[in-house]
């Protein structure tokens, strides 16, 4: 399995997501956080799984929306 590295901004985003959800339920926040990390591992194994968004950026970024939590999208550089 390939490794991945999170930027400091990504780590802060994950913490902010967890904190927001945890206001209502820490268990739910933990589930979403785990799903984010699972998606990162999944994408690291085959980095072109996501899709590009030329309408949003010219940078070589890929986007992957979490299946179980479609309000959250992982944006990454392969």
PDB file of N, CA and C in Angstrom:
ATOM      1  N   UNK A   1       0.837  -1.174   0.000  1.00  0.00           N
ATOM      2  CA  UNK A   1       0.000   0.000   0.000  1.00  0.00           C
ATOM      3  C   UNK A   1       0.880   1.235   0.000  1.00  0.00           C
ATOM      4  N   UNK A   2       0.512   2.232  -0.757  1.00  0.00           N
ATOM      5  CA  UNK A   2       1.254   3.476  -0.828  1.00  0.00           C
ATOM      6  C   UNK A   2       0.916   4.359   0.369  1.00  0.00           C
ATOM      7  N   UNK A   3       1.877   5.179   0.703  1.00  0.00           N
ATOM      8  CA  UNK A   3       1.680   6.111   1.816  1.00  0.00           C
ATOM      9  C   UNK A   3       1.119   7.425   1.285  1.00  0.00           C
ATOM     10  N   UNK A   4       0.632   8.213   2.186  1.00  0.00           N
ATOM     11  CA  UNK A   4       0.172   9.552   1.835  1.00  0.00           C
ATOM     12  C   UNK A   4       0.615  10.501   2.938  1.00  0.00           C
ATOM     13  N   UNK A   5       0.681  11.765   2.604  1.00  0.00           N
ATOM     14  CA  UNK A   5       1.049  12.789   3.581  1.00  0.00           C
ATOM     15  C   UNK A   5      -0.005  13.882   3.536  1.00  0.00           C
ATOM     16  N   UNK A   6      -0.432  14.302   4.699  1.00  0.00           N
ATOM     17  CA  UNK A   6      -1.395  15.387   4.800  1.00  0.00           C
ATOM     18  C   UNK A   6      -0.663  16.697   5.022  1.00  0.00           C
ATOM     19  N   UNK A   7      -1.112  17.731   4.367  1.00  0.00           N
ATOM     20  CA  UNK A   7      -0.549  19.054   4.616  1.00  0.00           C
ATOM     21  C   UNK A   7      -1.053  19.554   5.966  1.00  0.00           C
ATOM     22  N   UNK A   8      -0.380  20.526   6.547  1.00  0.00           N
ATOM     23  CA  UNK A   8      -0.891  21.105   7.797  1.00  0.00           C
ATOM     24  C   UNK A   8      -2.316  21.647   7.638  1.00  0.00           C
ATOM     25  N   UNK A   9      -2.599  22.205   6.475  1.00  0.00           N
ATOM     26  CA  UNK A   9      -3.953  22.726   6.229  1.00  0.00           C
ATOM     27  C   UNK A   9      -4.976  21.596   6.216  1.00  0.00           C
ATOM     28  N   UNK A  10      -4.619  20.474   5.604  1.00  0.00           N
ATOM     29  CA  UNK A  10      -5.530  19.317   5.567  1.00  0.00           C
ATOM     30  C   UNK A  10      -5.781  18.785   6.971  1.00  0.00           C
ATOM     31  N   UNK A  11      -4.717  18.702   7.770  1.00  0.00           N
ATOM     32  CA  UNK A  11      -4.871  18.247   9.159  1.00  0.00           C
ATOM     33  C   UNK A  11      -5.801  19.177   9.931  1.00  0.00           C
ATOM     34  N   UNK A  12      -5.647  20.479   9.715  1.00  0.00           N
ATOM     35  CA  UNK A  12      -6.513  21.451  10.389  1.00  0.00           C
ATOM     36  C   UNK A  12      -7.954  21.312   9.914  1.00  0.00           C
ATOM     37  N   UNK A  13      -8.144  21.072   8.617  1.00  0.00           N
ATOM     38  CA  UNK A  13      -9.497  20.876   8.086  1.00  0.00           C
ATOM     39  C   UNK A  13     -10.165  19.664   8.729  1.00  0.00           C
ATOM     40  N   UNK A  14      -9.420  18.565   8.839  1.00  0.00           N
ATOM     41  CA  UNK A  14      -9.984  17.355   9.449  1.00  0.00           C
ATOM     42  C   UNK A  14     -10.350  17.618  10.898  1.00  0.00           C
ATOM     43  N   UNK A  15      -9.497  18.328  11.605  1.00  0.00           N
ATOM     44  CA  UNK A  15      -9.802  18.669  12.995  1.00  0.00           C
ATOM     45  C   UNK A  15     -11.052  19.540  13.078  1.00  0.00           C
ATOM     46  N   UNK A  16     -11.161  20.525  12.188  1.00  0.00           N
ATOM     47  CA  UNK A  16     -12.340  21.401  12.182  1.00  0.00           C
ATOM     48  C   UNK A  16     -13.615  20.626  11.874  1.00  0.00           C
ATOM     49  N   UNK A  17     -13.535  19.704  10.927  1.00  0.00           N
ATOM     50  CA  UNK A  17     -14.701  18.865  10.601  1.00  0.00           C
ATOM     51  C   UNK A  17     -15.097  18.051  11.821  1.00  0.00           C
ATOM     52  N   UNK A  18     -14.088  17.405  12.456  1.00  0.00           N
ATOM     53  CA  UNK A  18     -14.365  16.600  13.642  1.00  0.00           C
ATOM     54  C   UNK A  18     -14.999  17.461  14.739  1.00  0.00           C
ATOM     55  N   UNK A  19     -14.441  18.628  14.979  1.00  0.00           N
ATOM     56  CA  UNK A  19     -14.949  19.505  16.044  1.00  0.00           C
ATOM     57  C   UNK A  19     -16.384  19.934  15.788  1.00  0.00           C
ATOM     58  N   UNK A  20     -16.687  20.248  14.547  1.00  0.00           N
ATOM     59  CA  UNK A  20     -18.047  20.677  14.197  1.00  0.00           C
ATOM     60  C   UNK A  20     -19.048  19.554  14.437  1.00  0.00           C
ATOM     61  N   UNK A  21     -18.735  18.371  13.955  1.00  0.00           N
ATOM     62  CA  UNK A  21     -19.647  17.243  14.111  1.00  0.00           C
ATOM     63  C   UNK A  21     -19.741  16.816  15.573  1.00  0.00           C
ATOM     64  N   UNK A  22     -18.618  16.879  16.286  1.00  0.00           N
ATOM     65  CA  UNK A  22     -18.575  16.442  17.688  1.00  0.00           C
ATOM     66  C   UNK A  22     -19.456  17.286  18.600  1.00  0.00           C
ATOM     67  N   UNK A  23     -19.820  18.472  18.156  1.00  0.00           N
ATOM     68  CA  UNK A  23     -20.744  19.294  18.952  1.00  0.00           C
ATOM     69  C   UNK A  23     -22.053  18.551  19.169  1.00  0.00           C
ATOM     70  N   UNK A  24     -22.421  17.722  18.205  1.00  0.00           N
ATOM     71  CA  UNK A  24     -23.641  16.927  18.314  1.00  0.00           C
ATOM     72  C   UNK A  24     -23.363  15.491  18.737  1.00  0.00           C
ATOM     73  N   UNK A  25     -22.249  14.927  18.234  1.00  0.00           N
ATOM     74  CA  UNK A  25     -21.956  13.522  18.530  1.00  0.00           C
ATOM     75  C   UNK A  25     -20.485  13.217  18.264  1.00  0.00           C
ATOM     76  N   UNK A  26     -19.753  12.880  19.314  1.00  0.00           N
ATOM     77  CA  UNK A  26     -18.347  12.502  19.133  1.00  0.00           C
ATOM     78  C   UNK A  26     -18.233  11.188  18.364  1.00  0.00           C
ATOM     79  N   UNK A  27     -19.173  10.283  18.563  1.00  0.00           N
ATOM     80  CA  UNK A  27     -19.147   9.017  17.816  1.00  0.00           C
ATOM     81  C   UNK A  27     -19.288   9.272  16.315  1.00  0.00           C
ATOM     82  N   UNK A  28     -20.204  10.149  15.949  1.00  0.00           N
ATOM     83  CA  UNK A  28     -20.387  10.479  14.530  1.00  0.00           C
ATOM     84  C   UNK A  28     -19.142  11.181  13.986  1.00  0.00           C
ATOM     85  N   UNK A  29     -18.555  12.060  14.774  1.00  0.00           N
ATOM     86  CA  UNK A  29     -17.334  12.749  14.352  1.00  0.00           C
ATOM     87  C   UNK A  29     -16.211  11.748  14.115  1.00  0.00           C
ATOM     88  N   UNK A  30     -16.099  10.760  14.998  1.00  0.00           N
ATOM     89  CA  UNK A  30     -15.082   9.719  14.832  1.00  0.00           C
ATOM     90  C   UNK A  30     -15.313   8.918  13.558  1.00  0.00           C
ATOM     91  N   UNK A  31     -16.567   8.612  13.253  1.00  0.00           N
ATOM     92  CA  UNK A  31     -16.882   7.834  12.043  1.00  0.00           C
ATOM     93  C   UNK A  31     -16.498   8.610  10.778  1.00  0.00           C
ATOM     94  N   UNK A  32     -16.817   9.891  10.750  1.00  0.00           N
ATOM     95  CA  UNK A  32     -16.476  10.694   9.573  1.00  0.00           C
ATOM     96  C   UNK A  32     -14.957  10.817   9.447  1.00  0.00           C
ATOM     97  N   UNK A  33     -14.284  11.067  10.553  1.00  0.00           N
ATOM     98  CA  UNK A  33     -12.822  11.176  10.522  1.00  0.00           C
ATOM     99  C   UNK A  33     -12.186   9.875  10.017  1.00  0.00           C
ATOM    100  N   UNK A  34     -12.657   8.750  10.502  1.00  0.00           N
ATOM    101  CA  UNK A  34     -12.127   7.457  10.046  1.00  0.00           C
ATOM    102  C   UNK A  34     -12.368   7.260   8.554  1.00  0.00           C
ATOM    103  N   UNK A  35     -13.528   7.677   8.086  1.00  0.00           N
ATOM    104  CA  UNK A  35     -13.835   7.537   6.658  1.00  0.00           C
ATOM    105  C   UNK A  35     -12.914   8.419   5.814  1.00  0.00           C
ATOM    106  N   UNK A  36     -12.579   9.598   6.301  1.00  0.00           N
ATOM    107  CA  UNK A  36     -11.640  10.472   5.586  1.00  0.00           C
ATOM    108  C   UNK A  36     -10.285   9.778   5.462  1.00  0.00           C
ATOM    109  N   UNK A  37      -9.791   9.237   6.572  1.00  0.00           N
ATOM    110  CA  UNK A  37      -8.494   8.555   6.535  1.00  0.00           C
ATOM    111  C   UNK A  37      -8.537   7.293   5.675  1.00  0.00           C
ATOM    112  N   UNK A  38      -9.654   6.582   5.687  1.00  0.00           N
ATOM    113  CA  UNK A  38      -9.808   5.412   4.806  1.00  0.00           C
ATOM    114  C   UNK A  38      -9.741   5.834   3.342  1.00  0.00           C
ATOM    115  N   UNK A  39     -10.396   6.936   3.018  1.00  0.00           N
ATOM    116  CA  UNK A  39     -10.371   7.432   1.638  1.00  0.00           C
ATOM    117  C   UNK A  39      -8.954   7.826   1.233  1.00  0.00           C
ATOM    118  N   UNK A  40      -8.221   8.441   2.141  1.00  0.00           N
ATOM    119  CA  UNK A  40      -6.835   8.815   1.833  1.00  0.00           C
ATOM    120  C   UNK A  40      -5.996   7.577   1.529  1.00  0.00           C
ATOM    121  N   UNK A  41      -6.143   6.532   2.312  1.00  0.00           N
ATOM    122  CA  UNK A  41      -5.412   5.278   2.062  1.00  0.00           C
ATOM    123  C   UNK A  41      -5.831   4.658   0.739  1.00  0.00           C
ATOM    124  N   UNK A  42      -7.126   4.645   0.485  1.00  0.00           N
ATOM    125  CA  UNK A  42      -7.671   4.104  -0.754  1.00  0.00           C
ATOM    126  C   UNK A  42      -7.091   4.850  -1.959  1.00  0.00           C
ATOM    127  N   UNK A  43      -7.047   6.161  -1.876  1.00  0.00           N
ATOM    128  CA  UNK A  43      -6.549   6.975  -2.983  1.00  0.00           C
ATOM    129  C   UNK A  43      -5.041   6.861  -3.139  1.00  0.00           C
ATOM    130  N   UNK A  44      -4.330   6.698  -2.038  1.00  0.00           N
ATOM    131  CA  UNK A  44      -2.873   6.547  -2.118  1.00  0.00           C
ATOM    132  C   UNK A  44      -2.508   5.267  -2.863  1.00  0.00           C
ATOM    133  N   UNK A  45      -3.336   4.246  -2.749  1.00  0.00           N
ATOM    134  CA  UNK A  45      -3.071   2.976  -3.432  1.00  0.00           C
ATOM    135  C   UNK A  45      -3.248   3.087  -4.942  1.00  0.00           C
ATOM    136  N   UNK A  46      -4.086   3.983  -5.393  1.00  0.00           N
ATOM    137  CA  UNK A  46      -4.322   4.205  -6.831  1.00  0.00           C
ATOM    138  C   UNK A  46      -4.724   5.667  -7.009  1.00  0.00           C
ATOM    139  N   UNK A  47      -3.749   6.547  -7.065  1.00  0.00           N
ATOM    140  CA  UNK A  47      -4.006   7.988  -6.994  1.00  0.00           C
ATOM    141  C   UNK A  47      -4.850   8.597  -8.109  1.00  0.00           C
ATOM    142  N   UNK A  48      -5.053   7.897  -9.185  1.00  0.00           N
ATOM    143  CA  UNK A  48      -5.866   8.482 -10.258  1.00  0.00           C
ATOM    144  C   UNK A  48      -7.338   8.107 -10.151  1.00  0.00           C
ATOM    145  N   UNK A  49      -7.742   7.548  -9.028  1.00  0.00           N
ATOM    146  CA  UNK A  49      -9.143   7.172  -8.837  1.00  0.00           C
ATOM    147  C   UNK A  49     -10.067   8.379  -8.821  1.00  0.00           C
ATOM    148  N   UNK A  50      -9.601   9.472  -8.337  1.00  0.00           N
ATOM    149  CA  UNK A  50     -10.440  10.658  -8.287  1.00  0.00           C
ATOM    150  C   UNK A  50     -10.608  11.261  -9.670  1.00  0.00           C
ATOM    151  N   UNK A  51     -11.229  12.397  -9.716  1.00  0.00           N
ATOM    152  CA  UNK A  51     -11.414  13.063 -10.999  1.00  0.00           C
ATOM    153  C   UNK A  51     -10.856  14.477 -10.913  1.00  0.00           C
ATOM    154  N   UNK A  52     -10.505  15.024 -12.064  1.00  0.00           N
ATOM    155  CA  UNK A  52     -10.012  16.400 -12.111  1.00  0.00           C
ATOM    156  C   UNK A  52     -11.203  17.350 -12.209  1.00  0.00           C
ATOM    157  N   UNK A  53     -10.969  18.607 -11.904  1.00  0.00           N
ATOM    158  CA  UNK A  53     -12.012  19.627 -11.989  1.00  0.00           C
ATOM    159  C   UNK A  53     -11.441  20.870 -12.674  1.00  0.00           C
ATOM    160  N   UNK A  54     -11.261  20.810 -13.996  1.00  0.00           N
ATOM    161  CA  UNK A  54     -10.702  21.961 -14.701  1.00  0.00           C
ATOM    162  C   UNK A  54     -11.567  23.207 -14.583  1.00  0.00           C
ATOM    163  N   UNK A  55     -12.834  23.026 -14.214  1.00  0.00           N
ATOM    164  CA  UNK A  55     -13.706  24.177 -14.014  1.00  0.00           C
ATOM    165  C   UNK A  55     -13.378  24.908 -12.711  1.00  0.00           C
ATOM    166  N   UNK A  56     -12.635  24.238 -11.805  1.00  0.00           N
ATOM    167  CA  UNK A  56     -12.280  24.841 -10.521  1.00  0.00           C
ATOM    168  C   UNK A  56     -10.824  25.267 -10.429  1.00  0.00           C
ATOM    169  N   UNK A  57      -9.930  24.488 -11.073  1.00  0.00           N
ATOM    170  CA  UNK A  57      -8.504  24.779 -10.935  1.00  0.00           C
ATOM    171  C   UNK A  57      -7.722  24.208 -12.108  1.00  0.00           C
ATOM    172  N   UNK A  58      -6.630  24.865 -12.428  1.00  0.00           N
ATOM    173  CA  UNK A  58      -5.715  24.346 -13.442  1.00  0.00           C
ATOM    174  C   UNK A  58      -4.623  23.502 -12.804  1.00  0.00           C
ATOM    175  N   UNK A  59      -4.564  23.503 -11.490  1.00  0.00           N
ATOM    176  CA  UNK A  59      -3.558  22.710 -10.782  1.00  0.00           C
ATOM    177  C   UNK A  59      -3.846  21.225 -10.972  1.00  0.00           C
ATOM    178  N   UNK A  60      -2.826  20.417 -10.851  1.00  0.00           N
ATOM    179  CA  UNK A  60      -2.970  18.973 -11.021  1.00  0.00           C
ATOM    180  C   UNK A  60      -3.517  18.360  -9.733  1.00  0.00           C
ATOM    181  N   UNK A  61      -4.763  18.626  -9.468  1.00  0.00           N
ATOM    182  CA  UNK A  61      -5.434  18.115  -8.282  1.00  0.00           C
ATOM    183  C   UNK A  61      -6.512  17.135  -8.693  1.00  0.00           C
ATOM    184  N   UNK A  62      -6.823  16.208  -7.794  1.00  0.00           N
ATOM    185  CA  UNK A  62      -7.902  15.247  -7.999  1.00  0.00           C
ATOM    186  C   UNK A  62      -8.899  15.415  -6.867  1.00  0.00           C
ATOM    187  N   UNK A  63     -10.129  15.015  -7.120  1.00  0.00           N
ATOM    188  CA  UNK A  63     -11.222  15.170  -6.163  1.00  0.00           C
ATOM    189  C   UNK A  63     -11.898  13.822  -5.965  1.00  0.00           C
ATOM    190  N   UNK A  64     -12.184  13.501  -4.724  1.00  0.00           N
ATOM    191  CA  UNK A  64     -12.862  12.249  -4.391  1.00  0.00           C
ATOM    192  C   UNK A  64     -13.899  12.543  -3.315  1.00  0.00           C
ATOM    193  N   UNK A  65     -15.169  12.407  -3.645  1.00  0.00           N
ATOM    194  CA  UNK A  65     -16.244  12.623  -2.677  1.00  0.00           C
ATOM    195  C   UNK A  65     -16.459  11.345  -1.880  1.00  0.00           C
ATOM    196  N   UNK A  66     -16.547  11.481  -0.571  1.00  0.00           N
ATOM    197  CA  UNK A  66     -16.754  10.317   0.286  1.00  0.00           C
ATOM    198  C   UNK A  66     -18.121   9.714   0.006  1.00  0.00           C
ATOM    199  N   UNK A  67     -18.151   8.438  -0.243  1.00  0.00           N
ATOM    200  CA  UNK A  67     -19.392   7.750  -0.592  1.00  0.00           C
ATOM    201  C   UNK A  67     -20.405   7.817   0.544  1.00  0.00           C
ATOM    202  N   UNK A  68     -19.965   7.512   1.746  1.00  0.00           N
ATOM    203  CA  UNK A  68     -20.886   7.484   2.899  1.00  0.00           C
ATOM    204  C   UNK A  68     -21.244   8.874   3.399  1.00  0.00           C
ATOM    205  N   UNK A  69     -20.393   9.857   3.105  1.00  0.00           N
ATOM    206  CA  UNK A  69     -20.610  11.228   3.591  1.00  0.00           C
ATOM    207  C   UNK A  69     -20.388  12.200   2.434  1.00  0.00           C
ATOM    208  N   UNK A  70     -21.345  12.297   1.523  1.00  0.00           N
ATOM    209  CA  UNK A  70     -21.145  13.055   0.284  1.00  0.00           C
ATOM    210  C   UNK A  70     -20.980  14.563   0.461  1.00  0.00           C
ATOM    211  N   UNK A  71     -21.137  15.057   1.677  1.00  0.00           N
ATOM    212  CA  UNK A  71     -20.867  16.474   1.914  1.00  0.00           C
ATOM    213  C   UNK A  71     -19.380  16.759   2.017  1.00  0.00           C
ATOM    214  N   UNK A  72     -18.555  15.709   2.034  1.00  0.00           N
ATOM    215  CA  UNK A  72     -17.113  15.865   2.209  1.00  0.00           C
ATOM    216  C   UNK A  72     -16.368  15.311   1.014  1.00  0.00           C
ATOM    217  N   UNK A  73     -15.404  16.083   0.535  1.00  0.00           N
ATOM    218  CA  UNK A  73     -14.602  15.729  -0.628  1.00  0.00           C
ATOM    219  C   UNK A  73     -13.128  15.826  -0.266  1.00  0.00           C
ATOM    220  N   UNK A  74     -12.378  14.805  -0.619  1.00  0.00           N
ATOM    221  CA  UNK A  74     -10.925  14.832  -0.463  1.00  0.00           C
ATOM    222  C   UNK A  74     -10.354  15.452  -1.718  1.00  0.00           C
ATOM    223  N   UNK A  75      -9.547  16.489  -1.562  1.00  0.00           N
ATOM    224  CA  UNK A  75      -8.866  17.128  -2.673  1.00  0.00           C
ATOM    225  C   UNK A  75      -7.392  16.811  -2.497  1.00  0.00           C
ATOM    226  N   UNK A  76      -6.770  16.252  -3.522  1.00  0.00           N
ATOM    227  CA  UNK A  76      -5.397  15.782  -3.349  1.00  0.00           C
ATOM    228  C   UNK A  76      -4.585  15.909  -4.629  1.00  0.00           C
ATOM    229  N   UNK A  77      -3.280  15.885  -4.431  1.00  0.00           N
ATOM    230  CA  UNK A  77      -2.329  15.885  -5.544  1.00  0.00           C
ATOM    231  C   UNK A  77      -1.779  14.466  -5.657  1.00  0.00           C
ATOM    232  N   UNK A  78      -1.993  13.804  -6.802  1.00  0.00           N
ATOM    233  CA  UNK A  78      -1.559  12.395  -6.949  1.00  0.00           C
ATOM    234  C   UNK A  78      -0.061  12.191  -6.775  1.00  0.00           C
TER     235      UNK A  78
END
